[in-house]
């Protein structure tokens, strides 16, 4: 259902109030009519006792023959009062019934208060009540029937119902108006949030919503929005920095290619000089290719639908595979590779080997000649460790938190070594994130260790 929230809530509130008011009005109507009927029954029994007392007087027979209307006067003298008196044989002694109404005669009970009051309907359709009792007239038992027709009762009840309906309608309309005013006022914080969101721009993502003056019901929403803005600001900042770094990293090899080619074309060169130029260009192009491949991998790794194909891998076999592959590179730098530890790890084989290869090549580039580069395994509560350690200059503690960021280099010399793209450790961090683990670096005065921590499941 689309439309205004204020309108929908107001209509719902109107329906709730109308239903509640109708229920209350129905209850009050039934309570009122029930009380009226109860009071009429009490009054009718009172009139019966008056007639009984009147028949017990010495002048009762005279009144009965000469002034029969006196008995109706006892019933307040209204035309709606009916009185019938019968002797023990059922002969009619008195019948005051100007409208010739036909009404039932209740049977007598052993006790007068137990005699039922019957309800009937007059010829005109008005409600009526009748009750019966006994008395003695001149020492002889007689039966008394007293009835009343309530001609105005139907109209009174109808007016009461009409008033209840009007009151319910007025209450519902008033409730709808008040609900609309309350919602307009109550939704001000949401409108403020919408206005703030409309002002959000790429350069204004650090603006936070004010949660101090907001109602407690909106605190979780404002907290979530502020957290989202913080993440967007952080992501935008990273993206801006990454774009600048990417442009800088691409510019260097492109400028090298362009400069070398322009110098070579400035005058005629020998075939050997052209070959040397082409070889240099190939190196720069390979560096660009590696950088593009790394960027594509990082972009894919950030997608939520990328799921690594995990399998149980023997750690000692993976270490042996890496040591064999990098043996030649290590010998060129007069290094030895040592593997220690065993166990299994649940990981994607290709991704694990790429992470180990990046760490091992990094360790070989920065290790002191003649030292040992170690591949070790270990455990800590809840984690399985795969560690690559080399001996060499320590890493500045200020650089440690940033080593797995894209294009971050601890120093220019480390960045230039071996034609590094500055993305190797970023790829390692992305691979570990895909596996639900993390990558750490631990550097002391003598050694530096890069550690892969896999969940020990």
Protein backbone atom coordinates (compact mmCIF):
# COMPACT_ATOMS: atom_id res chain seq x y z
CA UNK A 1 0.00 0.00 0.00
CA UNK A 2 1.56 3.25 -1.15
CA UNK A 3 0.80 6.79 -0.05
CA UNK A 4 1.38 9.13 2.85
CA UNK A 5 2.50 7.52 6.08
CA UNK A 6 0.70 10.26 8.00
CA UNK A 7 -2.53 9.52 6.13
CA UNK A 8 -2.27 5.77 6.65
CA UNK A 9 -1.49 6.04 10.36
CA UNK A 10 -4.21 8.67 10.83
CA UNK A 11 -6.78 6.44 9.12
CA UNK A 12 -5.70 3.49 11.21
CA UNK A 13 -5.95 5.63 14.35
CA UNK A 14 -9.42 6.82 13.29
CA UNK A 15 -10.54 3.22 12.80
CA UNK A 16 -9.14 2.19 16.18
CA UNK A 17 -10.79 5.10 17.99
CA UNK A 18 -14.07 4.57 16.10
CA UNK A 19 -14.09 0.88 16.96
CA UNK A 20 -13.23 1.60 20.61
CA UNK A 21 -15.85 4.35 20.86
CA UNK A 22 -18.45 2.12 19.18
CA UNK A 23 -17.70 -0.69 21.61
CA UNK A 24 -17.93 1.68 24.56
CA UNK A 25 -21.14 3.21 23.19
CA UNK A 26 -22.67 -0.23 22.69
CA UNK A 27 -21.79 -1.18 26.23
CA UNK A 28 -23.21 2.06 27.62
CA UNK A 29 -26.36 1.67 25.51
CA UNK A 30 -27.01 -1.83 26.79
CA UNK A 31 -26.20 -0.76 30.34
CA UNK A 32 -28.55 2.22 30.05
CA UNK A 33 -31.44 0.27 28.52
CA UNK A 34 -30.95 -2.54 31.00
CA UNK A 35 -31.07 -0.10 33.90
CA UNK A 36 -34.20 1.56 32.51
CA UNK A 37 -35.91 -1.81 32.15
CA UNK A 38 -34.88 -2.81 35.66
CA UNK A 39 -36.22 0.45 37.09
CA UNK A 40 -39.48 0.02 35.14
CA UNK A 41 -39.83 -3.46 36.57
CA UNK A 42 -39.30 -2.16 40.10
CA UNK A 43 -41.78 0.65 39.52
CA UNK A 44 -44.36 -1.76 38.09
CA UNK A 45 -44.05 -4.05 41.12
CA UNK A 46 -44.48 -0.98 43.31
CA UNK A 47 -47.71 -0.11 41.53
CA UNK A 48 -48.89 -3.68 42.05
CA UNK A 49 -48.34 -3.35 45.79
CA UNK A 50 -50.26 -0.05 45.84
CA UNK A 51 -53.25 -1.72 44.19
CA UNK A 52 -52.98 -4.62 46.64
CA UNK A 53 -52.94 -2.21 49.57
CA UNK A 54 -55.85 -0.26 48.11
CA UNK A 55 -57.99 -3.44 47.79
CA UNK A 56 -57.30 -4.20 51.43
CA UNK A 57 -59.00 -1.01 52.62
CA UNK A 58 -62.62 -0.80 53.82
CA UNK A 59 -63.65 1.40 50.90
CA UNK A 60 -62.17 -0.87 48.28
CA UNK A 61 -65.48 -2.32 47.06
CA UNK A 62 -67.06 1.14 46.82
CA UNK A 63 -64.09 2.39 44.81
CA UNK A 64 -64.19 -0.69 42.63
CA UNK A 65 -67.86 -0.12 41.66
CA UNK A 66 -68.19 3.67 41.78
CA UNK A 67 -64.71 5.01 41.00
CA UNK A 68 -62.83 2.37 39.03
CA UNK A 69 -60.59 5.03 37.46
CA UNK A 70 -59.12 5.60 40.88
CA UNK A 71 -57.10 2.44 40.39
CA UNK A 72 -55.57 3.85 37.24
CA UNK A 73 -54.87 7.05 39.13
CA UNK A 74 -52.86 4.91 41.47
CA UNK A 75 -50.79 4.05 38.38
CA UNK A 76 -50.07 7.79 37.97
CA UNK A 77 -53.27 8.30 35.98
CA UNK A 78 -51.67 7.74 32.59
CA UNK A 79 -53.42 6.18 29.62
CA UNK A 80 -50.62 3.70 29.32
CA UNK A 81 -51.49 2.19 32.71
CA UNK A 82 -53.59 -0.99 32.53
CA UNK A 83 -55.30 -2.64 35.52
CA UNK A 84 -57.30 -5.87 35.61
CA UNK A 85 -58.90 -7.47 38.69
CA UNK A 86 -60.46 -10.96 38.64
CA UNK A 87 -62.22 -12.90 41.36
CA UNK A 88 -61.37 -16.44 42.41
CA UNK A 89 -63.59 -17.84 39.63
CA UNK A 90 -61.91 -15.78 36.96
CA UNK A 91 -64.75 -13.30 36.56
CA UNK A 92 -63.70 -9.84 35.57
CA UNK A 93 -64.24 -7.28 38.34
CA UNK A 94 -62.28 -4.44 36.80
CA UNK A 95 -60.58 -3.90 33.47
CA UNK A 96 -58.96 -0.54 32.73
CA UNK A 97 -57.76 -0.95 29.14
CA UNK A 98 -58.67 2.11 27.04
CA UNK A 99 -56.58 1.00 24.04
CA UNK A 100 -57.99 -2.55 24.10
CA UNK A 101 -54.52 -4.05 24.41
CA UNK A 102 -54.08 -7.79 24.49
CA UNK A 103 -51.34 -8.82 26.83
CA UNK A 104 -50.23 -12.03 28.55
CA UNK A 105 -51.10 -12.73 32.17
CA UNK A 106 -48.21 -14.07 34.24
CA UNK A 107 -48.79 -17.07 36.42
CA UNK A 108 -48.66 -16.55 40.17
CA UNK A 109 -45.70 -17.77 42.14
CA UNK A 110 -45.70 -19.01 45.72
CA UNK A 111 -43.94 -15.81 46.76
CA UNK A 112 -45.00 -12.45 45.39
CA UNK A 113 -41.44 -11.30 44.66
CA UNK A 114 -40.93 -14.40 42.51
CA UNK A 115 -43.80 -13.57 40.15
CA UNK A 116 -42.20 -12.89 36.79
CA UNK A 117 -42.53 -9.61 34.92
CA UNK A 118 -43.38 -10.35 31.31
CA UNK A 119 -42.45 -8.13 28.38
CA UNK A 120 -44.77 -7.75 25.42
CA UNK A 121 -45.39 -5.40 22.51
CA UNK A 122 -48.44 -3.13 22.24
CA UNK A 123 -50.59 -2.68 19.15
CA UNK A 124 -48.61 0.43 18.28
CA UNK A 125 -45.37 -1.53 18.49
CA UNK A 126 -44.27 0.00 21.79
CA UNK A 127 -42.61 -2.12 24.48
CA UNK A 128 -44.73 -2.98 27.54
CA UNK A 129 -44.49 -4.92 30.81
CA UNK A 130 -47.05 -6.82 32.87
CA UNK A 131 -46.99 -8.38 36.33
CA UNK A 132 -49.58 -10.26 38.36
CA UNK A 133 -50.31 -10.60 42.04
CA UNK A 134 -53.03 -11.62 44.54
CA UNK A 135 -55.02 -9.72 47.17
CA UNK A 136 -58.19 -9.98 49.29
CA UNK A 137 -61.29 -7.94 48.55
CA UNK A 138 -63.92 -8.08 51.28
CA UNK A 139 -62.31 -11.24 52.62
CA UNK A 140 -62.40 -12.93 49.20
CA UNK A 141 -59.24 -13.67 47.21
CA UNK A 142 -58.82 -11.77 43.96
CA UNK A 143 -56.15 -11.63 41.30
CA UNK A 144 -54.58 -8.37 40.14
CA UNK A 145 -52.88 -7.79 36.78
CA UNK A 146 -51.00 -4.52 36.33
CA UNK A 147 -49.39 -3.48 33.01
CA UNK A 148 -47.82 -0.41 31.44
CA UNK A 149 -47.13 0.55 27.85
CA UNK A 150 -43.97 2.64 27.30
CA UNK A 151 -44.86 4.48 24.12
CA UNK A 152 -41.99 6.97 24.45
CA UNK A 153 -39.36 4.36 25.23
CA UNK A 154 -38.58 3.42 21.62
CA UNK A 155 -38.10 7.05 20.61
CA UNK A 156 -35.92 7.70 23.66
CA UNK A 157 -33.71 4.73 22.92
CA UNK A 158 -33.46 5.79 19.26
CA UNK A 159 -32.35 9.28 20.33
CA UNK A 160 -29.78 7.75 22.64
CA UNK A 161 -28.43 5.55 19.86
CA UNK A 162 -28.26 8.55 17.55
CA UNK A 163 -26.30 10.49 20.15
CA UNK A 164 -23.90 7.60 20.60
CA UNK A 165 -23.30 7.40 16.84
CA UNK A 166 -22.67 11.15 16.65
CA UNK A 167 -20.30 10.96 19.63
CA UNK A 168 -18.37 8.07 18.03
CA UNK A 169 -18.09 9.94 14.74
CA UNK A 170 -16.95 13.12 16.47
CA UNK A 171 -14.40 11.19 18.55
CA UNK A 172 -13.06 9.46 15.44
CA UNK A 173 -12.72 12.72 13.51
CA UNK A 174 -11.08 14.45 16.45
CA UNK A 175 -8.73 11.50 16.89
CA UNK A 176 -7.81 11.62 13.20
CA UNK A 177 -7.06 15.34 13.41
CA UNK A 178 -4.98 14.95 16.56
CA UNK A 179 -3.17 11.92 15.10
CA UNK A 180 -2.29 13.90 11.98
CA UNK A 181 -0.95 16.79 14.06
CA UNK A 182 1.01 14.45 16.30
CA UNK A 183 2.48 12.58 13.34
CA UNK A 184 3.46 15.76 11.55
CA UNK A 185 5.24 16.86 14.69
CA UNK A 186 6.57 13.41 15.54
CA UNK A 187 8.04 12.86 12.06
CA UNK A 188 10.14 16.00 12.21
CA UNK A 189 13.28 14.04 13.12
CA UNK A 190 12.74 11.80 10.08
CA UNK A 191 12.36 14.85 7.86
CA UNK A 192 15.55 16.21 9.37
CA UNK A 193 17.29 12.95 8.52
CA UNK A 194 15.95 13.12 4.96
CA UNK A 195 17.11 16.73 4.63
CA UNK A 196 20.54 15.76 5.90
CA UNK A 197 20.72 12.81 3.53
CA UNK A 198 19.84 15.13 0.62
CA UNK A 199 22.92 17.23 1.46
CA UNK A 200 25.31 14.27 1.41
CA UNK A 201 27.87 14.66 -1.36
CA UNK A 202 31.11 12.84 -2.15
CA UNK A 203 33.02 15.63 -0.41
CA UNK A 204 30.67 15.83 2.61
CA UNK A 205 30.52 12.23 3.76
CA UNK A 206 32.09 13.11 7.12
CA UNK A 207 28.96 15.01 8.20
CA UNK A 208 27.21 13.11 11.00
CA UNK A 209 23.56 13.19 12.08
CA UNK A 210 22.74 14.72 15.46
CA UNK A 211 21.61 11.94 17.76
CA UNK A 212 21.42 13.97 20.98
CA UNK A 213 18.07 15.64 20.32
CA UNK A 214 16.52 12.69 18.45
CA UNK A 215 13.92 10.46 20.18
CA UNK A 216 15.11 7.14 21.54
CA UNK A 217 13.15 5.20 18.86
CA UNK A 218 15.30 6.81 16.14
CA UNK A 219 18.61 6.36 17.93
CA UNK A 220 19.35 2.95 16.30
CA UNK A 221 18.51 4.37 12.85
CA UNK A 222 20.70 7.44 13.34
CA UNK A 223 23.52 5.30 14.70
CA UNK A 224 23.27 2.98 11.68
CA UNK A 225 23.18 5.94 9.25
CA UNK A 226 26.17 7.57 10.93
CA UNK A 227 28.05 4.29 10.74
CA UNK A 228 27.10 4.00 7.06
CA UNK A 229 28.31 7.55 6.41
CA UNK A 230 31.55 6.78 8.22
CA UNK A 231 32.06 3.67 6.09
CA UNK A 232 31.26 5.63 2.92
CA UNK A 233 33.64 8.38 3.95
CA UNK A 234 36.36 5.86 4.70
CA UNK A 235 35.72 4.05 1.41
CA UNK A 236 35.65 7.30 -0.55
CA UNK A 237 38.87 8.43 1.11
CA UNK A 238 40.50 5.11 0.32
CA UNK A 239 39.20 5.20 -3.24
CA UNK A 240 40.48 8.75 -3.76
CA UNK A 241 43.86 7.80 -2.35
CA UNK A 242 43.88 4.61 -4.36
CA UNK A 243 43.03 6.50 -7.56
CA UNK A 244 45.86 8.94 -6.92
CA UNK A 245 48.28 6.09 -6.12
CA UNK A 246 47.13 4.15 -9.18
CA UNK A 247 47.68 7.16 -11.44
CA UNK A 248 51.11 7.66 -9.88
CA UNK A 249 52.07 4.00 -10.24
CA UNK A 250 50.91 3.83 -13.85
CA UNK A 251 52.56 7.12 -14.71
CA UNK A 252 56.06 5.92 -13.86
CA UNK A 253 56.23 2.96 -16.28
CA UNK A 254 54.27 4.85 -18.94
CA UNK A 255 56.66 7.80 -18.69
CA UNK A 256 59.58 5.40 -18.86
CA UNK A 257 58.18 3.77 -21.98
CA UNK A 258 57.37 7.12 -23.57
CA UNK A 259 60.71 8.75 -22.70
CA UNK A 260 62.85 5.85 -23.80
CA UNK A 261 60.93 5.48 -27.04
CA UNK A 262 61.09 9.22 -27.82
CA UNK A 263 64.86 9.30 -27.18
CA UNK A 264 65.38 6.29 -29.39
CA UNK A 265 63.34 7.81 -32.21
CA UNK A 266 65.11 11.16 -31.98
CA UNK A 267 67.89 9.77 -34.24
CA UNK A 268 68.83 6.62 -36.04
CA UNK A 269 69.95 3.77 -33.80
CA UNK A 270 71.76 0.54 -34.36
CA UNK A 271 69.88 -2.76 -34.23
CA UNK A 272 71.52 -3.52 -30.88
CA UNK A 273 70.28 -0.27 -29.38
CA UNK A 274 66.77 -0.99 -30.62
CA UNK A 275 66.92 -4.46 -29.08
CA UNK A 276 68.04 -2.93 -25.77
CA UNK A 277 65.14 -0.44 -25.96
CA UNK A 278 62.62 -3.20 -26.69
CA UNK A 279 63.94 -5.30 -23.81
CA UNK A 280 63.57 -2.33 -21.44
CA UNK A 281 60.07 -1.67 -22.75
CA UNK A 282 59.16 -5.32 -22.20
CA UNK A 283 60.19 -5.03 -18.54
CA UNK A 284 58.00 -1.99 -18.06
CA UNK A 285 55.09 -3.62 -19.88
CA UNK A 286 55.43 -6.74 -17.75
CA UNK A 287 55.31 -4.55 -14.65
CA UNK A 288 52.15 -2.89 -15.96
CA UNK A 289 50.66 -6.29 -16.75
CA UNK A 290 51.38 -7.56 -13.24
CA UNK A 291 49.83 -4.43 -11.79
CA UNK A 292 46.68 -4.80 -13.90
CA UNK A 293 46.36 -8.48 -12.97
CA UNK A 294 46.76 -7.63 -9.30
CA UNK A 295 44.16 -4.88 -9.50
CA UNK A 296 41.68 -7.21 -11.21
CA UNK A 297 42.25 -9.82 -8.53
CA UNK A 298 41.67 -7.30 -5.72
CA UNK A 299 38.52 -6.03 -7.42
CA UNK A 300 37.13 -9.56 -7.72
CA UNK A 301 38.11 -10.42 -4.15
CA UNK A 302 35.95 -7.57 -2.82
CA UNK A 303 32.81 -8.96 -4.44
CA UNK A 304 30.53 -10.75 -1.98
CA UNK A 305 29.70 -13.54 -4.42
CA UNK A 306 33.33 -14.71 -4.61
CA UNK A 307 33.57 -17.93 -2.59
CA UNK A 308 36.89 -19.81 -2.32
CA UNK A 309 36.86 -23.53 -3.11
CA UNK A 310 38.17 -24.87 0.19
CA UNK A 311 39.78 -28.22 0.70
CA UNK A 312 42.01 -29.82 3.28
CA UNK A 313 45.65 -29.19 2.32
CA UNK A 314 48.76 -30.66 3.92
CA UNK A 315 50.87 -27.73 5.10
CA UNK A 316 54.20 -29.54 4.72
CA UNK A 317 53.38 -30.32 1.07
CA UNK A 318 52.54 -26.70 0.34
CA UNK A 319 55.74 -25.51 2.02
CA UNK A 320 57.80 -28.01 0.00
CA UNK A 321 56.13 -26.87 -3.23
CA UNK A 322 56.94 -23.19 -2.46
CA UNK A 323 60.54 -23.97 -1.43
CA UNK A 324 61.15 -25.90 -4.65
CA UNK A 325 59.69 -23.11 -6.79
CA UNK A 326 61.73 -20.32 -5.14
CA UNK A 327 64.94 -22.32 -4.70
CA UNK A 328 66.64 -20.71 -7.69
CA UNK A 329 65.68 -17.17 -6.63
CA UNK A 330 67.00 -17.86 -3.12
CA UNK A 331 70.31 -19.21 -4.41
CA UNK A 332 70.84 -16.05 -6.47
CA UNK A 333 70.73 -14.06 -3.20
CA UNK A 334 72.79 -16.68 -1.32
CA UNK A 335 69.84 -17.66 0.85
CA UNK A 336 68.63 -20.99 2.15
CA UNK A 337 64.99 -22.03 2.54
CA UNK A 338 63.96 -24.08 5.57
CA UNK A 339 60.55 -25.66 6.18
CA UNK A 340 59.30 -26.77 9.59
CA UNK A 341 56.01 -27.99 10.97
CA UNK A 342 53.09 -30.03 9.70
CA UNK A 343 49.34 -30.21 9.81
CA UNK A 344 46.40 -29.40 7.60
CA UNK A 345 44.57 -26.23 6.69
CA UNK A 346 41.23 -25.76 4.98
CA UNK A 347 41.79 -23.33 2.11
CA UNK A 348 41.58 -22.74 -1.61
CA UNK A 349 44.76 -24.29 -3.02
CA UNK A 350 45.44 -21.66 -5.70
CA UNK A 351 44.79 -18.74 -3.36
CA UNK A 352 46.90 -20.21 -0.57
CA UNK A 353 49.82 -20.76 -2.96
CA UNK A 354 49.52 -17.22 -4.28
CA UNK A 355 49.58 -15.79 -0.75
CA UNK A 356 52.60 -17.90 0.23
CA UNK A 357 54.36 -16.98 -3.03
CA UNK A 358 53.87 -13.27 -2.38
CA UNK A 359 55.19 -13.55 1.17
CA UNK A 360 58.12 -15.76 0.18
CA UNK A 361 59.20 -13.54 -2.72
CA UNK A 362 58.94 -10.51 -0.43
CA UNK A 363 61.04 -12.26 2.24
CA UNK A 364 63.72 -13.27 -0.28
CA UNK A 365 63.99 -9.71 -1.63
CA UNK A 366 64.54 -8.22 1.83
CA UNK A 367 66.54 -10.96 3.57
CA UNK A 368 70.24 -10.49 4.37
CA UNK A 369 72.49 -12.50 2.04
CA UNK A 370 73.67 -15.72 3.63
CA UNK A 371 70.67 -15.96 6.00
CA UNK A 372 67.84 -18.48 6.19
CA UNK A 373 64.24 -17.84 5.14
CA UNK A 374 61.97 -20.06 7.19
CA UNK A 375 58.51 -21.44 6.44
CA UNK A 376 56.93 -22.55 9.70
CA UNK A 377 53.58 -23.53 11.09
CA UNK A 378 52.07 -23.03 14.50
CA UNK A 379 48.82 -22.68 16.40
CA UNK A 380 47.09 -20.32 18.77
CA UNK A 381 43.61 -20.66 20.28
CA UNK A 382 41.16 -20.91 17.39
CA UNK A 383 43.73 -20.33 14.65
CA UNK A 384 46.30 -22.17 12.52
CA UNK A 385 49.42 -20.15 11.66
CA UNK A 386 51.51 -20.28 8.48
CA UNK A 387 54.58 -18.10 8.98
CA UNK A 388 57.29 -16.82 6.63
CA UNK A 389 60.32 -15.36 8.48
CA UNK A 390 63.43 -13.68 7.16
CA UNK A 391 66.44 -12.05 8.80
CA UNK A 392 67.01 -8.43 7.90
CA UNK A 393 66.44 -4.81 8.78
CA UNK A 394 63.39 -4.29 11.03
CA UNK A 395 60.28 -2.51 9.82
CA UNK A 396 59.44 0.81 11.40
CA UNK A 397 56.56 0.27 13.88
CA UNK A 398 54.74 3.21 12.27
CA UNK A 399 54.61 1.28 8.99
CA UNK A 400 53.33 -2.01 10.42
CA UNK A 401 49.57 -1.10 10.45
CA UNK A 402 49.73 0.00 6.78
CA UNK A 403 51.73 -2.78 5.13
CA UNK A 404 48.64 -4.55 3.74
CA UNK A 405 47.25 -1.38 2.16
CA UNK A 406 47.38 -0.98 -1.60
CA UNK A 407 50.54 0.63 -2.99
CA UNK A 408 51.91 1.21 0.50
CA UNK A 409 55.68 0.89 0.75
CA UNK A 410 57.66 1.18 3.93
CA UNK A 411 60.46 2.95 2.06
CA UNK A 412 61.48 3.76 -1.47
CA UNK A 413 64.23 1.16 -1.53
CA UNK A 414 61.81 -1.65 -0.62
CA UNK A 415 59.38 -0.42 -3.24
CA UNK A 416 61.93 -0.36 -6.02
CA UNK A 417 63.35 -3.76 -5.23
CA UNK A 418 62.56 -6.35 -7.80
CA UNK A 419 60.04 -4.21 -9.68
CA UNK A 420 57.42 -4.51 -6.94
CA UNK A 421 53.94 -3.18 -7.75
CA UNK A 422 53.08 -2.45 -4.11
CA UNK A 423 50.07 -4.78 -4.29
CA UNK A 424 51.52 -8.10 -3.15
CA UNK A 425 50.67 -7.73 0.53
CA UNK A 426 47.27 -6.24 -0.34
CA UNK A 427 46.52 -9.42 -2.27
CA UNK A 428 47.62 -11.49 0.73
CA UNK A 429 45.22 -9.54 2.97
CA UNK A 430 42.36 -9.98 0.48
CA UNK A 431 42.99 -13.74 0.23
CA UNK A 432 42.89 -14.11 4.01
CA UNK A 433 39.68 -12.08 4.21
CA UNK A 434 38.08 -14.48 1.71
CA UNK A 435 38.99 -17.36 4.04
CA UNK A 436 37.65 -15.65 7.14
CA UNK A 437 41.16 -15.22 8.50
CA UNK A 438 43.70 -12.42 8.63
CA UNK A 439 47.33 -11.58 7.89
CA UNK A 440 49.74 -10.17 10.44
CA UNK A 441 53.32 -8.90 10.49
CA UNK A 442 55.69 -9.20 13.44
CA UNK A 443 59.02 -7.39 13.26
CA UNK A 444 61.88 -7.44 15.75
CA UNK A 445 65.39 -6.08 15.62
CA UNK A 446 66.65 -9.21 13.87
CA UNK A 447 63.74 -10.87 12.07
CA UNK A 448 60.48 -10.07 10.32
CA UNK A 449 57.65 -12.58 10.16
CA UNK A 450 54.52 -12.45 8.00
CA UNK A 451 51.82 -14.72 9.43
CA UNK A 452 48.70 -16.17 7.79
CA UNK A 453 46.03 -17.07 10.36
CA UNK A 454 43.35 -19.52 9.20
CA UNK A 455 40.37 -20.48 11.38
CA UNK A 456 41.22 -23.78 13.05
CA UNK A 457 38.07 -25.70 12.06
